[in-house]
C-alpha atoms as a PDB file:
ATOM      1  CA  MET A   1      -3.896  26.881  18.839  1.00  0.00           C
ATOM      2  CA  PHE A   2      -3.385  27.087  22.588  1.00  0.00           C
ATOM      3  CA  GLN A   3      -5.251  30.041  24.196  1.00  0.00           C
ATOM      4  CA  VAL A   4      -6.358  31.503  20.848  1.00  0.00           C
ATOM      5  CA  ASP A   5      -9.805  29.980  20.452  1.00  0.00           C
ATOM      6  CA  ASN A   6     -10.748  31.743  17.226  1.00  0.00           C
ATOM      7  CA  LEU A   7      -7.762  30.079  15.495  1.00  0.00           C
ATOM      8  CA  ASN A   8      -8.657  26.554  16.673  1.00  0.00           C
ATOM      9  CA  ARG A   9     -10.191  24.554  13.863  1.00  0.00           C
ATOM     10  CA  THR A  10     -10.532  21.235  12.114  1.00  0.00           C
ATOM     11  CA  VAL A  11      -9.180  21.311   8.564  1.00  0.00           C
ATOM     12  CA  GLN A  12      -8.945  18.765   5.806  1.00  0.00           C
ATOM     13  CA  VAL A  13      -5.899  18.184   3.649  1.00  0.00           C
ATOM     14  CA  ASP A  14      -6.919  18.849   0.045  1.00  0.00           C
ATOM     15  CA  ALA A  15      -6.044  16.745  -3.009  1.00  0.00           C
ATOM     16  CA  GLY A  16      -2.880  18.805  -3.451  1.00  0.00           C
ATOM     17  CA  GLY A  17      -1.695  17.947   0.065  1.00  0.00           C
ATOM     18  CA  GLN A  18      -2.363  21.416   1.495  1.00  0.00           C
ATOM     19  CA  ILE A  19      -4.386  22.945   4.296  1.00  0.00           C
ATOM     20  CA  SER A  20      -5.762  26.466   4.576  1.00  0.00           C
ATOM     21  CA  LEU A  21      -5.500  28.381   7.833  1.00  0.00           C
ATOM     22  CA  PRO A  22      -6.660  31.854   8.865  1.00  0.00           C
ATOM     23  CA  LEU A  23      -4.110  34.679   8.557  1.00  0.00           C
ATOM     24  CA  ILE A  24      -1.289  32.518   7.177  1.00  0.00           C
ATOM     25  CA  GLY A  25      -3.180  30.975   4.246  1.00  0.00           C
ATOM     26  CA  THR A  26      -2.131  27.759   2.540  1.00  0.00           C
ATOM     27  CA  VAL A  27       0.362  25.383   4.161  1.00  0.00           C
ATOM     28  CA  ALA A  28       1.752  22.220   2.568  1.00  0.00           C
ATOM     29  CA  ALA A  29       0.936  19.253   4.816  1.00  0.00           C
ATOM     30  CA  ALA A  30       1.610  16.224   2.616  1.00  0.00           C
ATOM     31  CA  GLY A  31       4.740  14.245   3.396  1.00  0.00           C
ATOM     32  CA  LYS A  32       5.314  15.911   6.758  1.00  0.00           C
ATOM     33  CA  THR A  33       5.189  14.465  10.223  1.00  0.00           C
ATOM     34  CA  VAL A  34       2.747  15.946  12.710  1.00  0.00           C
ATOM     35  CA  ARG A  35       5.649  17.590  14.538  1.00  0.00           C
ATOM     36  CA  GLN A  36       7.063  19.113  11.329  1.00  0.00           C
ATOM     37  CA  LEU A  37       3.663  20.561  10.465  1.00  0.00           C
ATOM     38  CA  GLU A  38       3.245  21.962  13.993  1.00  0.00           C
ATOM     39  CA  GLN A  39       6.624  23.677  13.761  1.00  0.00           C
ATOM     40  CA  GLU A  40       5.901  25.145  10.332  1.00  0.00           C
ATOM     41  CA  ILE A  41       2.543  26.552  11.483  1.00  0.00           C
ATOM     42  CA  GLU A  42       4.119  27.940  14.673  1.00  0.00           C
ATOM     43  CA  THR A  43       6.824  29.645  12.607  1.00  0.00           C
ATOM     44  CA  ALA A  44       4.260  31.137  10.204  1.00  0.00           C
ATOM     45  CA  TYR A  45       2.055  32.513  12.999  1.00  0.00           C
ATOM     46  CA  GLY A  46       5.078  33.668  15.011  1.00  0.00           C
ATOM     47  CA  ALA A  47       6.550  35.610  12.087  1.00  0.00           C
ATOM     48  CA  ASN A  48       3.729  38.170  11.863  1.00  0.00           C
ATOM     49  CA  TYR A  49       0.817  37.474  14.164  1.00  0.00           C
ATOM     50  CA  LEU A  50       1.517  35.854  17.538  1.00  0.00           C
ATOM     51  CA  GLN A  51       4.239  35.870  20.152  1.00  0.00           C
ATOM     52  CA  SER A  52       5.431  32.339  20.951  1.00  0.00           C
ATOM     53  CA  PRO A  53       2.498  30.456  19.393  1.00  0.00           C
ATOM     54  CA  ASP A  54       1.811  26.959  20.715  1.00  0.00           C
ATOM     55  CA  VAL A  55       0.343  24.789  17.961  1.00  0.00           C
ATOM     56  CA  SER A  56      -0.903  21.228  18.288  1.00  0.00           C
ATOM     57  CA  VAL A  57      -1.817  19.127  15.268  1.00  0.00           C
ATOM     58  CA  TYR A  58      -3.830  15.927  15.574  1.00  0.00           C
ATOM     59  CA  VAL A  59      -4.681  13.549  12.761  1.00  0.00           C
ATOM     60  CA  LYS A  60      -8.387  12.921  13.139  1.00  0.00           C
ATOM     61  CA  GLU A  61      -8.785  10.568  10.188  1.00  0.00           C
ATOM     62  CA  SER A  62      -6.467   9.355   7.478  1.00  0.00           C
ATOM     63  CA  ILE A  63      -7.858   8.063   4.225  1.00  0.00           C
ATOM     64  CA  GLY A  64      -4.388   7.805   2.723  1.00  0.00           C
ATOM     65  CA  GLN A  65      -3.612   4.600   4.583  1.00  0.00           C
ATOM     66  CA  ARG A  66      -4.565   2.308   1.741  1.00  0.00           C
ATOM     67  CA  ILE A  67      -2.518  -0.020  -0.408  1.00  0.00           C
ATOM     68  CA  THR A  68      -3.106  -1.684  -3.728  1.00  0.00           C
ATOM     69  CA  VAL A  69      -2.431  -5.398  -4.078  1.00  0.00           C
ATOM     70  CA  ASP A  70      -2.478  -6.628  -7.655  1.00  0.00           C
ATOM     71  CA  GLY A  71      -1.318  -9.474  -9.832  1.00  0.00           C
ATOM     72  CA  GLU A  72      -1.450 -13.161  -9.010  1.00  0.00           C
ATOM     73  CA  VAL A  73      -3.390 -13.034  -5.741  1.00  0.00           C
ATOM     74  CA  ALA A  74      -6.790 -14.445  -4.837  1.00  0.00           C
ATOM     75  CA  ARG A  75      -8.492 -11.016  -4.547  1.00  0.00           C
ATOM     76  CA  ALA A  76      -6.678  -8.033  -6.049  1.00  0.00           C
ATOM     77  CA  GLY A  77      -7.864  -4.685  -4.734  1.00  0.00           C
ATOM     78  CA  ILE A  78      -7.355  -1.649  -2.558  1.00  0.00           C
ATOM     79  CA  PHE A  79      -7.088  -2.393   1.151  1.00  0.00           C
ATOM     80  CA  PRO A  80      -6.847  -0.249   4.300  1.00  0.00           C
ATOM     81  CA  VAL A  81      -3.669  -0.721   6.334  1.00  0.00           C
ATOM     82  CA  SER A  82      -2.556   0.306   9.783  1.00  0.00           C
ATOM     83  CA  SER A  83       0.697   2.040  10.615  1.00  0.00           C
ATOM     84  CA  ASN A  84       2.420  -1.260  11.426  1.00  0.00           C
ATOM     85  CA  SER A  85       1.264  -3.403   8.483  1.00  0.00           C
ATOM     86  CA  SER A  86       3.778  -5.671   6.786  1.00  0.00           C
ATOM     87  CA  LEU A  87       4.150  -7.311   3.381  1.00  0.00           C
ATOM     88  CA  ILE A  88       2.824 -10.611   4.756  1.00  0.00           C
ATOM     89  CA  ASP A  89      -0.228  -8.707   6.043  1.00  0.00           C
ATOM     90  CA  ALA A  90      -0.791  -7.215   2.575  1.00  0.00           C
ATOM     91  CA  ILE A  91      -0.649 -10.623   0.887  1.00  0.00           C
ATOM     92  CA  ALA A  92      -3.069 -12.004   3.490  1.00  0.00           C
ATOM     93  CA  LEU A  93      -5.515  -9.121   2.898  1.00  0.00           C
ATOM     94  CA  ALA A  94      -5.620 -10.138  -0.769  1.00  0.00           C
ATOM     95  CA  GLY A  95      -6.369 -13.768   0.125  1.00  0.00           C
ATOM     96  CA  GLY A  96      -2.875 -15.084  -0.540  1.00  0.00           C
ATOM     97  CA  PHE A  97      -1.356 -16.175  -3.818  1.00  0.00           C
ATOM     98  CA  ASN A  98      -3.472 -17.694  -6.565  1.00  0.00           C
ATOM     99  CA  ASN A  99      -2.455 -20.939  -8.295  1.00  0.00           C
ATOM    100  CA  VAL A 100       0.233 -19.273 -10.453  1.00  0.00           C
ATOM    101  CA  GLY A 101       1.459 -16.572  -8.049  1.00  0.00           C
ATOM    102  CA  ASP A 102       5.213 -16.627  -7.480  1.00  0.00           C
ATOM    103  CA  ALA A 103       6.172 -15.987  -3.851  1.00  0.00           C
ATOM    104  CA  LYS A 104       9.685 -15.145  -5.070  1.00  0.00           C
ATOM    105  CA  LYS A 105       8.450 -12.354  -7.341  1.00  0.00           C
ATOM    106  CA  VAL A 106       6.610  -9.959  -5.055  1.00  0.00           C
ATOM    107  CA  PHE A 107       7.367  -6.329  -5.865  1.00  0.00           C
ATOM    108  CA  VAL A 108       6.570  -3.289  -3.722  1.00  0.00           C
ATOM    109  CA  TYR A 109       6.309   0.061  -5.505  1.00  0.00           C
ATOM    110  CA  ARG A 110       6.603   3.145  -3.288  1.00  0.00           C
ATOM    111  CA  THR A 111       6.362   6.732  -4.486  1.00  0.00           C
ATOM    112  CA  ILE A 112       8.436   9.260  -2.564  1.00  0.00           C
ATOM    113  CA  GLY A 113       8.106  12.748  -3.987  1.00  0.00           C
ATOM    114  CA  ARG A 114       8.575  12.386  -7.736  1.00  0.00           C
ATOM    115  CA  ASN A 115      10.492   9.110  -7.484  1.00  0.00           C
ATOM    116  CA  THR A 116       9.070   5.602  -7.477  1.00  0.00           C
ATOM    117  CA  LEU A 117      11.150   3.035  -5.645  1.00  0.00           C
ATOM    118  CA  VAL A 118      10.758  -0.669  -6.389  1.00  0.00           C
ATOM    119  CA  ALA A 119      11.856  -3.590  -4.233  1.00  0.00           C
ATOM    120  CA  ASN A 120      11.586  -7.325  -4.935  1.00  0.00           C
ATOM    121  CA  TYR A 121      10.810  -9.627  -2.003  1.00  0.00           C
ATOM    122  CA  ASN A 122      10.823 -13.392  -1.642  1.00  0.00           C
ATOM    123  CA  VAL A 123       7.845 -14.219   0.575  1.00  0.00           C
ATOM    124  CA  GLU A 124       9.006 -17.832   1.001  1.00  0.00           C
ATOM    125  CA  GLU A 125      12.204 -16.545   2.663  1.00  0.00           C
ATOM    126  CA  ILE A 126      10.224 -14.108   4.804  1.00  0.00           C
ATOM    127  CA  ARG A 127       7.912 -16.889   5.981  1.00  0.00           C
ATOM    128  CA  ALA A 128      10.931 -19.094   6.748  1.00  0.00           C
ATOM    129  CA  GLY A 129      12.486 -16.309   8.822  1.00  0.00           C
ATOM    130  CA  LYS A 130      15.446 -15.923   6.443  1.00  0.00           C
ATOM    131  CA  SER A 131      14.484 -12.392   5.334  1.00  0.00           C
ATOM    132  CA  ARG A 132      12.828  -9.499   7.115  1.00  0.00           C
ATOM    133  CA  ASN A 133       9.121  -8.819   6.702  1.00  0.00           C
ATOM    134  CA  PRO A 134       9.112  -5.227   5.387  1.00  0.00           C
ATOM    135  CA  ARG A 135       6.699  -2.607   6.588  1.00  0.00           C
ATOM    136  CA  ILE A 136       4.050  -1.491   4.105  1.00  0.00           C
ATOM    137  CA  TYR A 137       2.933   2.143   4.013  1.00  0.00           C
ATOM    138  CA  GLY A 138      -0.244   3.794   2.751  1.00  0.00           C
ATOM    139  CA  GLY A 139       0.063   4.414  -0.963  1.00  0.00           C
ATOM    140  CA  ASP A 140       2.276   1.373  -1.611  1.00  0.00           C
ATOM    141  CA  LYS A 141       1.472  -0.937  -4.499  1.00  0.00           C
ATOM    142  CA  VAL A 142       2.199  -4.644  -4.046  1.00  0.00           C
ATOM    143  CA  VAL A 143       2.337  -6.655  -7.266  1.00  0.00           C
ATOM    144  CA  VAL A 144       2.688 -10.441  -7.362  1.00  0.00           C
ATOM    145  CA  PHE A 145       4.009 -11.808 -10.632  1.00  0.00           C
ATOM    146  CA  ALA A 146       3.235 -15.190 -12.154  1.00  0.00           C
ATOM    147  CA  SER A 147       5.564 -18.140 -11.893  1.00  0.00           C
ATOM    148  CA  LYS A 148       6.499 -19.341 -15.381  1.00  0.00           C
ATOM    149  CA  SER A 149       7.044 -22.860 -14.067  1.00  0.00           C
ATOM    150  CA  LYS A 150       3.587 -22.925 -12.427  1.00  0.00           C
ATOM    151  CA  ILE A 151       1.997 -21.704 -15.659  1.00  0.00           C
ATOM    152  CA  ALA A 152       3.876 -24.386 -17.636  1.00  0.00           C
ATOM    153  CA  MET A 153       2.817 -27.062 -15.139  1.00  0.00           C
ATOM    154  CA  ASN A 154      -0.828 -25.977 -15.333  1.00  0.00           C
ATOM    155  CA  ASN A 155      -0.669 -25.991 -19.134  1.00  0.00           C
ATOM    156  CA  LEU A 156       0.858 -29.472 -19.066  1.00  0.00           C
ATOM    157  CA  LYS A 157      -1.816 -30.727 -16.671  1.00  0.00           C
ATOM    158  CA  ASP A 158      -4.511 -29.248 -18.902  1.00  0.00           C
ATOM    159  CA  ALA A 159      -2.962 -30.816 -22.010  1.00  0.00           C
ATOM    160  CA  LEU A 160      -2.592 -34.207 -20.329  1.00  0.00           C
ATOM    161  CA  GLY A 161      -6.099 -33.970 -18.963  1.00  0.00           C
ATOM    162  CA  VAL A 162      -7.495 -33.295 -22.440  1.00  0.00           C
ATOM    163  CA  ALA A 163      -5.336 -36.062 -23.977  1.00  0.00           C
ATOM    164  CA  SER A 164      -6.361 -38.548 -21.271  1.00  0.00           C
ATOM    165  CA  SER A 165     -10.070 -37.840 -21.636  1.00  0.00           C
ATOM    166  CA  ALA A 166      -9.777 -38.025 -25.432  1.00  0.00           C
ATOM    167  CA  ALA A 167      -8.012 -41.371 -25.118  1.00  0.00           C
ATOM    168  CA  ARG A 168     -10.754 -42.682 -22.830  1.00  0.00           C
ATOM    169  CA  LEU A 169     -13.378 -41.566 -25.290  1.00  0.00           C
ATOM    170  CA  ALA A 170     -11.581 -43.281 -28.141  1.00  0.00           C
ATOM    171  CA  VAL A 171     -11.666 -46.676 -26.459  1.00  0.00           C
ATOM    172  CA  VAL A 172     -15.346 -46.693 -25.598  1.00  0.00           C
ATOM    173  CA  PRO A 173     -16.939 -49.576 -27.560  1.00  0.00           C
ATOM    174  CA  GLY A 174     -19.798 -48.766 -29.888  1.00  0.00           C
ATOM    175  CA  LEU A 175     -18.750 -45.246 -30.836  1.00  0.00           C
END
């Protein structure tokens, strides 16, 4: 708060997405831009306490900038992301696709308010430059589904491998 030192403070957004400030009490911060929050605080202080308040909000640290990558990747987990991370970045953080991951079945789940939006992306097309590489935001969940054809091929290889080794064992003289 410019020129009102006793109102300057560092606050933490609580689990409910709110901050608590002197005189005006609780203010919802979640889902707002820094500028929106500044304006709301200025309006609240200007309504009853200060003439033409000048509020500046700075984000000191953000722990909400994490994503979850799950499914058919090398290392599923929760990863930190920057403000300009993309879907390709998210897949890379998880070590890429595993042996049955389907690059055509990559889903991004994003919660906005009470709604969850889902989008399907084809990473092969993104890598080839045929589709855009979407931005990934903190809180997103990236899920890579299995390729049925890759699973079938692996099962066939396993079955043929077992049949081949059994056949070799059957022809060994003296057994």
